[in-house]
Amino acid sequence: QVQLVESGGGLVQAGGELRLSCAASGRTSSSYPIGWFRQAPGKEREFVAAISASGGSTRYADAVKGRFTISRDNARNTVYLQMNSLKPEDTAVYYCAARGTVWGIYTTQREYAYWGPGTQVTVSS
């Protein structure tokens, strides 16, 4: 089992920045591919960004490309999502998810076995 906890959410003005963290515990002897997803009120959860186990590969949704950066520190079992130039439409609960195997990089929810409880990001206009 892998437990995930997100942190770093909050209220920020449009144009501002936040850095989310996803801390993993439990079965972390191996690093796993991690994805960030978000769910806005009344909408389905959607893909935001993903990173491979080594950190050598990343993927982004078109809506956040150029503004968000995903990175990881495997020594700390933590993945980060740096969010710059935030927009009101980025308001959502942000979730991190871990794949149960070490290979690849994934952008769909069904590929992930473990999920954190989420952290709220609110961007005011």
Protein backbone atom coordinates (compact mmCIF):
# COMPACT_ATOMS: atom_id res chain seq x y z
CA GLN A 1 0.00 0.00 0.00
CA VAL A 2 1.02 3.56 -0.70
CA GLN A 3 -0.46 6.49 1.17
CA LEU A 4 -0.49 9.93 -0.42
CA VAL A 5 -1.12 13.30 1.18
CA GLU A 6 -1.37 16.57 -0.73
CA SER A 7 -0.54 19.95 0.75
CA GLY A 8 0.06 23.52 -0.34
CA GLY A 9 -3.39 24.46 -1.53
CA GLY A 10 -5.06 27.72 -0.62
CA LEU A 11 -6.55 30.97 -1.85
CA VAL A 12 -4.56 33.06 -4.32
CA GLN A 13 -5.31 35.93 -6.68
CA ALA A 14 -5.29 35.49 -10.42
CA GLY A 15 -1.75 35.70 -11.73
CA GLY A 16 -0.34 34.32 -8.50
CA GLU A 17 1.42 31.05 -7.79
CA LEU A 18 1.21 28.05 -5.52
CA ARG A 19 3.31 24.95 -5.06
CA LEU A 20 1.51 21.75 -4.23
CA SER A 21 3.27 18.82 -2.62
CA CYS A 22 2.37 15.15 -2.70
CA ALA A 23 4.06 13.16 0.05
CA ALA A 24 4.13 9.38 -0.23
CA SER A 25 4.47 6.90 2.59
CA GLY A 26 4.04 3.17 3.03
CA ARG A 27 5.46 0.99 0.29
CA THR A 28 7.91 3.56 -1.02
CA SER A 29 11.04 1.44 -1.44
CA SER A 30 10.46 1.96 -5.14
CA SER A 31 9.39 5.22 -6.71
CA TYR A 32 6.25 5.17 -8.81
CA PRO A 33 4.82 7.26 -11.63
CA ILE A 34 2.70 10.05 -10.18
CA GLY A 35 -0.13 12.03 -11.67
CA TRP A 36 -1.90 15.20 -10.64
CA PHE A 37 -5.61 15.54 -11.36
CA ARG A 38 -8.16 18.18 -10.46
CA GLN A 39 -11.90 18.40 -10.04
CA ALA A 40 -13.80 21.65 -10.23
CA PRO A 41 -17.33 22.00 -8.82
CA GLY A 42 -19.85 20.35 -11.10
CA LYS A 43 -17.18 18.94 -13.38
CA GLU A 44 -15.48 15.60 -13.83
CA ARG A 45 -12.00 15.04 -12.52
CA GLU A 46 -9.41 15.80 -15.18
CA PHE A 47 -5.74 15.18 -15.83
CA VAL A 48 -3.29 17.97 -15.02
CA ALA A 49 0.26 16.60 -15.10
CA ALA A 50 2.24 13.38 -14.74
CA ILE A 51 5.80 12.36 -14.07
CA SER A 52 7.65 9.10 -14.49
CA ALA A 53 9.26 7.26 -11.58
CA SER A 54 12.70 8.63 -12.39
CA GLY A 55 11.44 12.14 -13.12
CA GLY A 56 12.89 11.98 -16.61
CA SER A 57 9.54 12.19 -18.39
CA THR A 58 6.64 14.56 -17.84
CA ARG A 59 3.24 15.19 -19.41
CA TYR A 60 0.87 18.14 -19.13
CA ALA A 61 -2.69 18.94 -20.03
CA ASP A 62 -2.95 21.61 -22.69
CA ALA A 63 -4.76 23.90 -20.25
CA VAL A 64 -1.73 24.10 -17.93
CA LYS A 65 1.18 23.67 -20.33
CA GLY A 66 3.69 26.46 -19.90
CA ARG A 67 2.25 27.50 -16.52
CA PHE A 68 2.57 24.39 -14.36
CA THR A 69 5.67 22.32 -13.69
CA ILE A 70 5.75 18.86 -12.15
CA SER A 71 8.90 17.61 -10.44
CA ARG A 72 9.93 15.09 -7.83
CA ASP A 73 12.45 14.47 -5.08
CA ASN A 74 12.66 10.71 -4.68
CA ALA A 75 14.91 10.99 -1.62
CA ARG A 76 12.02 12.77 0.10
CA ASN A 77 9.27 10.63 -1.51
CA THR A 78 7.63 13.86 -2.63
CA VAL A 79 6.26 15.14 -5.92
CA TYR A 80 5.64 18.83 -6.52
CA LEU A 81 3.32 20.79 -8.76
CA GLN A 82 4.49 24.36 -9.25
CA MET A 83 1.57 26.43 -10.50
CA ASN A 84 2.29 29.87 -11.94
CA SER A 85 0.10 32.45 -13.64
CA LEU A 86 -2.96 30.98 -11.99
CA LYS A 87 -6.37 31.65 -13.46
CA PRO A 88 -9.83 31.46 -11.88
CA GLU A 89 -10.52 28.41 -14.03
CA ASP A 90 -7.73 26.59 -12.18
CA THR A 91 -9.95 26.56 -9.08
CA ALA A 92 -10.48 22.94 -8.10
CA VAL A 93 -9.60 20.23 -5.65
CA TYR A 94 -6.22 18.86 -6.70
CA TYR A 95 -5.40 15.19 -6.21
CA CYS A 96 -2.19 13.27 -6.61
CA ALA A 97 -2.21 9.62 -7.57
CA ALA A 98 0.40 6.88 -7.69
CA ARG A 99 0.71 4.05 -10.12
CA GLY A 100 1.34 0.67 -8.48
CA THR A 101 4.15 -0.28 -10.86
CA VAL A 102 7.39 1.54 -11.62
CA TRP A 103 7.34 1.82 -15.42
CA GLY A 104 5.85 4.37 -17.73
CA ILE A 105 3.97 7.63 -17.48
CA TYR A 106 0.18 7.84 -17.43
CA THR A 107 -2.45 10.47 -18.08
CA THR A 108 -5.68 8.58 -17.37
CA GLN A 109 -7.23 8.04 -13.96
CA ARG A 110 -7.80 4.32 -14.39
CA GLU A 111 -4.04 3.75 -14.55
CA TYR A 112 -3.56 4.89 -10.96
CA ALA A 113 -4.08 2.67 -7.95
CA TYR A 114 -3.55 5.04 -5.03
CA TRP A 115 -5.05 8.47 -4.42
CA GLY A 116 -4.62 11.24 -1.89
CA PRO A 117 -7.57 13.02 -0.24
CA GLY A 118 -7.01 16.22 -2.24
CA THR A 119 -6.19 19.85 -1.51
CA GLN A 120 -8.34 22.84 -2.41
CA VAL A 121 -6.97 25.53 -4.73
CA THR A 122 -9.05 28.67 -5.14
CA VAL A 123 -8.04 31.42 -7.55
CA SER A 124 -9.88 34.69 -7.19
CA SER A 125 -10.33 37.12 -10.07
